[in-house]
Amino acid sequence: MKYILQFEIIIAISLVGELLNRIIPLPIPASIYGMALLFTALCTGTIKLSAVKETGKFLIYIMPILFIPAAVGLIESWSTMKNFLTAIIAITVVSTIIVIAAAGHATQLLIKHKRKR
């Protein structure tokens, strides 16, 4: 019963994220709105971590299974994608390097800031 209640909390926040996506005319996915809402609610104490912790752990545990539909979609669209394979690989490599560099730079800034304190 505890898991059902926790899952309902997460689904309710996701629903609010979907509604915000429909109301606010920005190109931001509904899942990002939902994550931001959940993060804010957890930080402010509106929702206690214990109210969603076990279900959150379970969802992280089964996350690889959740990628199967996306992988199947990529396989089904192979005939279209193969024409742009070089561009897709280049974009993937460049964006990966940018994300790694940005994460490393942010981490270094946080470490320097923490040492100054």
C-alpha atoms as a PDB file:
ATOM      1  CA  MET A   1       0.000   0.000   0.000  1.00  0.00           C
ATOM      2  CA  LYS A   2       2.906   2.343   0.784  1.00  0.00           C
ATOM      3  CA  TYR A   3       4.276   1.917  -2.736  1.00  0.00           C
ATOM      4  CA  ILE A   4       0.922   2.734  -4.323  1.00  0.00           C
ATOM      5  CA  LEU A   5       0.659   5.980  -2.341  1.00  0.00           C
ATOM      6  CA  GLN A   6       4.230   6.943  -3.245  1.00  0.00           C
ATOM      7  CA  PHE A   7       3.595   6.160  -6.908  1.00  0.00           C
ATOM      8  CA  GLU A   8       0.403   8.251  -6.792  1.00  0.00           C
ATOM      9  CA  ILE A   9       2.402  11.220  -5.474  1.00  0.00           C
ATOM     10  CA  ILE A  10       4.894  10.885  -8.317  1.00  0.00           C
ATOM     11  CA  ILE A  11       2.118  10.499 -10.897  1.00  0.00           C
ATOM     12  CA  ALA A  12       0.275  13.550  -9.501  1.00  0.00           C
ATOM     13  CA  ILE A  13       3.410  15.655  -9.828  1.00  0.00           C
ATOM     14  CA  SER A  14       3.900  14.333 -13.365  1.00  0.00           C
ATOM     15  CA  LEU A  15       0.314  15.314 -14.163  1.00  0.00           C
ATOM     16  CA  VAL A  16       0.931  18.838 -12.913  1.00  0.00           C
ATOM     17  CA  GLY A  17       4.046  18.918 -15.097  1.00  0.00           C
ATOM     18  CA  GLU A  18       1.919  17.883 -18.088  1.00  0.00           C
ATOM     19  CA  LEU A  19      -0.579  20.630 -17.310  1.00  0.00           C
ATOM     20  CA  LEU A  20       2.181  23.224 -17.006  1.00  0.00           C
ATOM     21  CA  ASN A  21       3.553  22.059 -20.348  1.00  0.00           C
ATOM     22  CA  ARG A  22       0.160  22.733 -21.940  1.00  0.00           C
ATOM     23  CA  ILE A  23      -0.305  26.109 -20.209  1.00  0.00           C
ATOM     24  CA  ILE A  24       3.187  27.619 -20.460  1.00  0.00           C
ATOM     25  CA  PRO A  25       4.208  28.174 -24.098  1.00  0.00           C
ATOM     26  CA  LEU A  26       7.870  27.179 -23.716  1.00  0.00           C
ATOM     27  CA  PRO A  27       9.638  24.317 -25.511  1.00  0.00           C
ATOM     28  CA  ILE A  28      10.293  22.481 -22.245  1.00  0.00           C
ATOM     29  CA  PRO A  29       9.221  18.828 -21.898  1.00  0.00           C
ATOM     30  CA  ALA A  30       6.556  18.062 -19.317  1.00  0.00           C
ATOM     31  CA  SER A  31       8.919  15.663 -17.560  1.00  0.00           C
ATOM     32  CA  ILE A  32      11.303  18.543 -16.836  1.00  0.00           C
ATOM     33  CA  TYR A  33       8.472  20.548 -15.284  1.00  0.00           C
ATOM     34  CA  GLY A  34       7.580  17.508 -13.178  1.00  0.00           C
ATOM     35  CA  MET A  35      11.167  16.942 -12.043  1.00  0.00           C
ATOM     36  CA  ALA A  36      11.548  20.622 -11.164  1.00  0.00           C
ATOM     37  CA  LEU A  37       8.305  20.516  -9.169  1.00  0.00           C
ATOM     38  CA  LEU A  38       9.347  17.370  -7.308  1.00  0.00           C
ATOM     39  CA  PHE A  39      12.801  18.809  -6.628  1.00  0.00           C
ATOM     40  CA  THR A  40      11.289  22.040  -5.312  1.00  0.00           C
ATOM     41  CA  ALA A  41       8.773  20.173  -3.167  1.00  0.00           C
ATOM     42  CA  LEU A  42      11.538  17.998  -1.694  1.00  0.00           C
ATOM     43  CA  CYS A  43      13.834  20.980  -1.040  1.00  0.00           C
ATOM     44  CA  THR A  44      11.125  23.037   0.638  1.00  0.00           C
ATOM     45  CA  GLY A  45       9.879  20.113   2.703  1.00  0.00           C
ATOM     46  CA  THR A  46       6.428  20.173   1.115  1.00  0.00           C
ATOM     47  CA  ILE A  47       7.001  16.523   0.296  1.00  0.00           C
ATOM     48  CA  LYS A  48       9.198  14.484   2.621  1.00  0.00           C
ATOM     49  CA  LEU A  49      11.805  12.250   1.004  1.00  0.00           C
ATOM     50  CA  SER A  50      10.352   9.269   2.831  1.00  0.00           C
ATOM     51  CA  ALA A  51       7.064   9.882   0.979  1.00  0.00           C
ATOM     52  CA  VAL A  52       8.616   8.913  -2.388  1.00  0.00           C
ATOM     53  CA  LYS A  53      11.953   7.243  -1.581  1.00  0.00           C
ATOM     54  CA  GLU A  54      11.161   3.540  -2.032  1.00  0.00           C
ATOM     55  CA  THR A  55       9.187   4.013  -5.239  1.00  0.00           C
ATOM     56  CA  GLY A  56      11.900   6.313  -6.589  1.00  0.00           C
ATOM     57  CA  LYS A  57      14.511   3.631  -5.906  1.00  0.00           C
ATOM     58  CA  PHE A  58      12.323   1.056  -7.649  1.00  0.00           C
ATOM     59  CA  LEU A  59      11.869   3.277 -10.711  1.00  0.00           C
ATOM     60  CA  ILE A  60      15.625   3.822 -10.921  1.00  0.00           C
ATOM     61  CA  TYR A  61      16.161   0.059 -10.597  1.00  0.00           C
ATOM     62  CA  ILE A  62      13.878  -0.695 -13.569  1.00  0.00           C
ATOM     63  CA  MET A  63      15.063   2.272 -15.644  1.00  0.00           C
ATOM     64  CA  PRO A  64      16.894   0.142 -18.258  1.00  0.00           C
ATOM     65  CA  ILE A  65      13.596  -1.583 -19.070  1.00  0.00           C
ATOM     66  CA  LEU A  66      11.992   1.804 -19.681  1.00  0.00           C
ATOM     67  CA  PHE A  67      14.458   2.490 -22.522  1.00  0.00           C
ATOM     68  CA  ILE A  68      13.337  -0.541 -24.548  1.00  0.00           C
ATOM     69  CA  PRO A  69      10.478   1.273 -26.363  1.00  0.00           C
ATOM     70  CA  ALA A  70      12.839   4.100 -27.382  1.00  0.00           C
ATOM     71  CA  ALA A  71      15.393   1.584 -28.664  1.00  0.00           C
ATOM     72  CA  VAL A  72      12.704  -0.223 -30.661  1.00  0.00           C
ATOM     73  CA  GLY A  73      11.643   3.105 -32.150  1.00  0.00           C
ATOM     74  CA  LEU A  74      15.216   3.757 -33.266  1.00  0.00           C
ATOM     75  CA  ILE A  75      15.455   0.310 -34.818  1.00  0.00           C
ATOM     76  CA  GLU A  76      12.164   0.817 -36.661  1.00  0.00           C
ATOM     77  CA  SER A  77      13.353   4.137 -38.094  1.00  0.00           C
ATOM     78  CA  TRP A  78      16.717   2.755 -39.268  1.00  0.00           C
ATOM     79  CA  SER A  79      15.825   3.194 -42.940  1.00  0.00           C
ATOM     80  CA  THR A  80      15.433   6.948 -42.395  1.00  0.00           C
ATOM     81  CA  MET A  81      18.351   7.293 -39.989  1.00  0.00           C
ATOM     82  CA  LYS A  82      20.961   5.498 -42.106  1.00  0.00           C
ATOM     83  CA  ASN A  83      20.989   8.410 -44.572  1.00  0.00           C
ATOM     84  CA  PHE A  84      22.049  10.756 -41.753  1.00  0.00           C
ATOM     85  CA  LEU A  85      24.312   8.358 -39.827  1.00  0.00           C
ATOM     86  CA  THR A  86      27.448  10.504 -40.170  1.00  0.00           C
ATOM     87  CA  ALA A  87      25.639  13.605 -38.908  1.00  0.00           C
ATOM     88  CA  ILE A  88      24.032  11.671 -36.053  1.00  0.00           C
ATOM     89  CA  ILE A  89      27.400  10.272 -34.941  1.00  0.00           C
ATOM     90  CA  ALA A  90      29.074  13.683 -35.194  1.00  0.00           C
ATOM     91  CA  ILE A  91      26.317  15.386 -33.210  1.00  0.00           C
ATOM     92  CA  THR A  92      26.426  12.627 -30.575  1.00  0.00           C
ATOM     93  CA  VAL A  93      30.218  12.855 -30.173  1.00  0.00           C
ATOM     94  CA  VAL A  94      30.289  16.670 -30.056  1.00  0.00           C
ATOM     95  CA  SER A  95      27.375  16.943 -27.621  1.00  0.00           C
ATOM     96  CA  THR A  96      28.894  14.253 -25.391  1.00  0.00           C
ATOM     97  CA  ILE A  97      32.197  16.135 -25.261  1.00  0.00           C
ATOM     98  CA  ILE A  98      30.385  19.397 -24.458  1.00  0.00           C
ATOM     99  CA  VAL A  99      28.374  17.763 -21.652  1.00  0.00           C
ATOM    100  CA  ILE A 100      31.475  16.125 -20.154  1.00  0.00           C
ATOM    101  CA  ALA A 101      33.410  19.410 -20.337  1.00  0.00           C
ATOM    102  CA  ALA A 102      30.546  21.398 -18.804  1.00  0.00           C
ATOM    103  CA  ALA A 103      30.079  18.865 -16.012  1.00  0.00           C
ATOM    104  CA  GLY A 104      33.815  18.832 -15.302  1.00  0.00           C
ATOM    105  CA  HIS A 105      34.006  22.620 -15.291  1.00  0.00           C
ATOM    106  CA  ALA A 106      30.985  22.912 -12.990  1.00  0.00           C
ATOM    107  CA  THR A 107      32.484  20.329 -10.650  1.00  0.00           C
ATOM    108  CA  GLN A 108      35.798  22.201 -10.530  1.00  0.00           C
ATOM    109  CA  LEU A 109      34.000  25.465  -9.771  1.00  0.00           C
ATOM    110  CA  LEU A 110      32.049  23.822  -6.958  1.00  0.00           C
ATOM    111  CA  ILE A 111      35.217  22.305  -5.497  1.00  0.00           C
ATOM    112  CA  LYS A 112      37.021  25.677  -5.621  1.00  0.00           C
ATOM    113  CA  HIS A 113      34.022  27.398  -4.057  1.00  0.00           C
ATOM    114  CA  LYS A 114      33.856  24.787  -1.309  1.00  0.00           C
ATOM    115  CA  ARG A 115      37.584  25.119  -0.556  1.00  0.00           C
ATOM    116  CA  LYS A 116      37.257  28.903  -0.198  1.00  0.00           C
ATOM    117  CA  ARG A 117      34.561  28.438   2.438  1.00  0.00           C
END
